[in-house]
């Protein structure tokens, strides 16, 4: 079985997929056999040739030159660009945890390292009906994973990041490091790094400018965070 890490974020559209792609590319380019998995993906669409485009997974597959099929990388695909629990209510096909665990185990057998990307933030509802109430945290726990947290580098990130870390601590999910996206390096963002680290005691392991093609983290340090 592979060594694994879960990529979560302070909220939606913070850049989990972008960062996941950079991490996968970094590791594979340096000879570390790395795969990618996402349990539920919303916002897929059909192109002019009637091909289903599964955006997040396709982006990571392309940028990191992954050989796995999209079907191996993603268990549940929804067209509505909303939280998976709502997409399920609209489209059907609710997530089953046994399938998630089985699919993850299958793709893990092909790789030494696995990046697992979440949907939205840590409290994102994945399924919410009379039978099951599943949140993102339940998938992290079911797969027994530690996390990396992606946050925006700019204004407001101290509050969002600290609240997310404190919540994860309260439910016994470990965060191994924080990655700040959309980094410009101004005085406020440098202070954000210092404040987040001082309050949470979790290291900021990378800062990522817009358009970055190579994340600024040493591969040996990165793989040491996998478990």
Protein backbone atom coordinates (compact mmCIF):
# COMPACT_ATOMS: atom_id res chain seq x y z
CA UNK A 1 0.00 0.00 0.00
CA UNK A 2 1.02 3.58 -0.61
CA UNK A 3 1.85 6.36 1.79
CA UNK A 4 -0.84 9.04 1.68
CA UNK A 5 -1.82 12.61 2.48
CA UNK A 6 -5.17 14.39 2.22
CA UNK A 7 -5.41 17.87 0.69
CA UNK A 8 -8.13 20.00 2.26
CA UNK A 9 -8.71 23.75 2.35
CA UNK A 10 -10.21 26.62 4.29
CA UNK A 11 -13.09 26.69 1.78
CA UNK A 12 -14.04 26.22 -1.84
CA UNK A 13 -12.11 27.88 -4.71
CA UNK A 14 -9.01 28.33 -2.55
CA UNK A 15 -6.85 26.26 -4.91
CA UNK A 16 -6.80 22.63 -3.72
CA UNK A 17 -6.74 21.24 -7.25
CA UNK A 18 -4.05 23.64 -8.42
CA UNK A 19 -1.89 22.75 -5.41
CA UNK A 20 -2.61 19.02 -5.76
CA UNK A 21 -1.43 19.19 -9.35
CA UNK A 22 1.77 20.97 -8.41
CA UNK A 23 2.49 18.46 -5.63
CA UNK A 24 1.85 15.46 -7.87
CA UNK A 25 4.00 16.96 -10.63
CA UNK A 26 6.82 17.76 -8.20
CA UNK A 27 6.94 14.23 -6.85
CA UNK A 28 6.57 12.42 -10.18
CA UNK A 29 9.12 14.66 -11.90
CA UNK A 30 11.59 13.69 -9.17
CA UNK A 31 11.01 9.96 -9.47
CA UNK A 32 8.42 9.39 -6.75
CA UNK A 33 5.56 7.23 -8.08
CA UNK A 34 2.59 9.37 -7.05
CA UNK A 35 -1.13 9.05 -7.76
CA UNK A 36 -4.22 11.15 -7.17
CA UNK A 37 -7.69 10.32 -5.88
CA UNK A 38 -10.88 12.32 -5.22
CA UNK A 39 -13.98 10.69 -3.78
CA UNK A 40 -16.59 13.14 -5.12
CA UNK A 41 -16.29 15.81 -7.79
CA UNK A 42 -18.90 18.41 -8.72
CA UNK A 43 -19.05 20.65 -11.75
CA UNK A 44 -18.26 18.15 -14.54
CA UNK A 45 -19.59 19.08 -17.97
CA UNK A 46 -19.92 17.80 -21.54
CA UNK A 47 -17.86 19.41 -24.30
CA UNK A 48 -18.97 19.98 -27.90
CA UNK A 49 -18.06 16.38 -28.74
CA UNK A 50 -20.23 15.05 -25.92
CA UNK A 51 -17.21 14.03 -23.83
CA UNK A 52 -17.62 14.37 -20.07
CA UNK A 53 -14.95 16.74 -18.76
CA UNK A 54 -14.08 16.05 -15.15
CA UNK A 55 -12.22 19.28 -14.55
CA UNK A 56 -10.34 18.88 -11.26
CA UNK A 57 -9.10 15.37 -11.90
CA UNK A 58 -8.31 16.11 -15.54
CA UNK A 59 -6.21 19.12 -14.51
CA UNK A 60 -4.13 17.07 -12.09
CA UNK A 61 -3.84 14.20 -14.59
CA UNK A 62 -2.58 16.54 -17.30
CA UNK A 63 -0.17 18.68 -15.28
CA UNK A 64 1.40 15.69 -13.47
CA UNK A 65 1.26 13.36 -16.50
CA UNK A 66 -0.65 10.70 -14.58
CA UNK A 67 -1.42 7.43 -16.38
CA UNK A 68 -4.45 6.38 -14.31
CA UNK A 69 -7.88 6.77 -15.89
CA UNK A 70 -10.35 9.36 -14.61
CA UNK A 71 -12.61 6.49 -13.50
CA UNK A 72 -9.81 5.22 -11.27
CA UNK A 73 -9.08 8.68 -9.88
CA UNK A 74 -12.65 9.74 -9.03
CA UNK A 75 -15.44 7.64 -7.52
CA UNK A 76 -18.43 10.00 -7.87
CA UNK A 77 -18.89 12.65 -10.56
CA UNK A 78 -21.69 15.23 -10.57
CA UNK A 79 -22.52 17.86 -13.16
CA UNK A 80 -24.04 20.47 -10.85
CA UNK A 81 -21.32 22.78 -9.51
CA UNK A 82 -22.58 22.66 -5.92
CA UNK A 83 -21.70 20.77 -2.76
CA UNK A 84 -21.81 16.99 -3.40
CA UNK A 85 -24.70 16.51 -0.99
CA UNK A 86 -26.87 18.90 -3.01
CA UNK A 87 -25.65 17.51 -6.33
CA UNK A 88 -26.72 14.09 -5.06
CA UNK A 89 -30.18 15.39 -4.20
CA UNK A 90 -30.50 16.80 -7.72
CA UNK A 91 -28.88 13.99 -9.73
CA UNK A 92 -29.02 10.90 -7.52
CA UNK A 93 -26.04 8.53 -7.15
CA UNK A 94 -25.28 9.19 -3.47
CA UNK A 95 -21.81 8.43 -2.17
CA UNK A 96 -21.28 5.08 -0.46
CA UNK A 97 -18.32 4.93 1.90
CA UNK A 98 -17.54 1.30 1.07
CA UNK A 99 -17.04 2.22 -2.59
CA UNK A 100 -14.77 5.13 -1.64
CA UNK A 101 -12.60 2.88 0.50
CA UNK A 102 -12.50 0.16 -2.15
CA UNK A 103 -11.65 2.57 -4.99
CA UNK A 104 -8.96 4.25 -2.92
CA UNK A 105 -7.37 0.93 -2.02
CA UNK A 106 -7.32 -0.15 -5.68
CA UNK A 107 -5.53 2.93 -6.98
CA UNK A 108 -3.21 2.98 -3.96
CA UNK A 109 -1.83 -0.41 -4.99
CA UNK A 110 -0.42 1.21 -8.16
CA UNK A 111 1.54 3.96 -6.43
CA UNK A 112 4.06 4.55 -3.67
CA UNK A 113 2.47 7.88 -2.70
CA UNK A 114 -1.13 9.09 -2.97
CA UNK A 115 -2.54 12.61 -2.88
CA UNK A 116 -6.21 12.60 -1.90
CA UNK A 117 -8.12 15.80 -2.64
CA UNK A 118 -11.22 16.82 -0.75
CA UNK A 119 -14.33 18.68 -1.86
CA UNK A 120 -14.72 22.21 -0.52
CA UNK A 121 -13.62 22.77 3.06
CA UNK A 122 -13.31 20.38 5.99
CA UNK A 123 -17.03 20.65 6.85
CA UNK A 124 -18.31 20.20 3.31
CA UNK A 125 -21.37 17.88 3.32
CA UNK A 126 -20.85 15.01 0.90
CA UNK A 127 -24.12 13.16 1.50
CA UNK A 128 -27.01 14.29 3.66
CA UNK A 129 -30.18 12.20 3.59
CA UNK A 130 -32.26 9.93 5.81
CA UNK A 131 -29.82 7.03 5.45
CA UNK A 132 -26.46 8.76 5.84
CA UNK A 133 -24.98 12.10 6.85
CA UNK A 134 -21.42 12.17 5.53
CA UNK A 135 -19.09 15.16 5.76
CA UNK A 136 -15.60 15.53 4.34
CA UNK A 137 -14.11 14.82 7.75
CA UNK A 138 -15.78 11.39 7.71
CA UNK A 139 -13.95 10.46 4.50
CA UNK A 140 -10.62 11.60 5.96
CA UNK A 141 -11.22 9.45 9.02
CA UNK A 142 -12.47 6.46 7.02
CA UNK A 143 -9.27 6.50 4.96
CA UNK A 144 -7.18 7.16 8.09
CA UNK A 145 -5.31 10.11 6.59
CA UNK A 146 -3.38 13.11 7.86
CA UNK A 147 -3.84 16.39 6.02
CA UNK A 148 -2.23 19.35 4.34
CA UNK A 149 -4.29 22.55 4.43
CA UNK A 150 -4.48 24.94 1.47
CA UNK A 151 -5.35 28.54 2.35
CA UNK A 152 -5.35 31.86 0.54
CA UNK A 153 -2.34 34.01 1.35
CA UNK A 154 -4.27 37.27 1.56
CA UNK A 155 -6.52 39.25 3.86
CA UNK A 156 -8.66 37.18 6.24
CA UNK A 157 -6.56 34.06 6.07
CA UNK A 158 -5.49 34.16 9.71
CA UNK A 159 -9.08 33.74 10.84
CA UNK A 160 -10.04 31.12 8.22
CA UNK A 161 -6.89 29.08 8.68
CA UNK A 162 -6.81 29.11 12.48
CA UNK A 163 -10.51 28.19 12.71
CA UNK A 164 -9.99 25.27 10.32
CA UNK A 165 -6.93 23.99 12.18
CA UNK A 166 -8.66 24.30 15.56
CA UNK A 167 -11.69 22.43 14.25
CA UNK A 168 -9.53 19.62 12.88
CA UNK A 169 -7.75 19.37 16.21
CA UNK A 170 -11.10 19.06 17.98
CA UNK A 171 -12.03 16.02 15.87
CA UNK A 172 -8.56 14.43 16.00
CA UNK A 173 -7.52 15.04 12.39
CA UNK A 174 -3.86 15.99 12.15
CA UNK A 175 -2.65 18.77 9.89
CA UNK A 176 0.99 18.25 8.86
CA UNK A 177 1.43 21.58 7.12
CA UNK A 178 -0.17 24.64 5.52
CA UNK A 179 0.28 25.84 1.94
CA UNK A 180 -0.58 29.47 1.18
CA UNK A 181 -1.85 30.01 -2.36
CA UNK A 182 -1.94 33.24 -4.45
CA UNK A 183 1.21 34.48 -2.71
CA UNK A 184 2.65 37.91 -3.58
CA UNK A 185 5.06 38.27 -0.66
CA UNK A 186 3.84 41.63 0.64
CA UNK A 187 4.18 42.67 4.28
CA UNK A 188 0.69 41.52 5.22
CA UNK A 189 1.19 38.04 3.76
CA UNK A 190 4.55 37.64 5.53
CA UNK A 191 2.80 38.60 8.76
CA UNK A 192 0.01 36.11 7.96
CA UNK A 193 2.61 33.32 7.85
CA UNK A 194 4.07 34.35 11.19
CA UNK A 195 0.71 34.73 12.90
CA UNK A 196 -0.71 31.45 11.58
CA UNK A 197 2.37 29.51 12.67
CA UNK A 198 2.50 31.18 16.08
CA UNK A 199 -1.18 30.55 16.82
CA UNK A 200 -1.57 27.04 15.39
CA UNK A 201 1.97 25.65 15.82
CA UNK A 202 1.52 24.13 12.33
CA UNK A 203 4.25 25.02 9.82
CA UNK A 204 3.60 26.87 6.57
CA UNK A 205 5.49 24.52 4.26
CA UNK A 206 5.10 26.44 0.99
CA UNK A 207 3.91 29.72 -0.49
CA UNK A 208 2.63 29.57 -4.07
CA UNK A 209 2.36 32.58 -6.43
CA UNK A 210 -0.25 32.69 -9.18
CA UNK A 211 0.97 30.90 -12.30
CA UNK A 212 3.57 28.89 -10.42
CA UNK A 213 4.71 25.71 -12.19
CA UNK A 214 7.02 24.31 -9.50
CA UNK A 215 6.02 24.42 -5.84
CA UNK A 216 8.80 25.61 -3.53
CA UNK A 217 9.17 22.61 -1.24
CA UNK A 218 11.91 19.99 -1.00
CA UNK A 219 10.73 16.55 -2.14
CA UNK A 220 12.29 14.73 0.79
CA UNK A 221 10.54 17.03 3.22
CA UNK A 222 7.28 16.64 1.31
CA UNK A 223 7.30 12.83 1.34
CA UNK A 224 8.16 12.87 5.06
CA UNK A 225 4.68 14.30 5.63
CA UNK A 226 2.97 11.27 4.06
CA UNK A 227 1.91 8.40 6.33
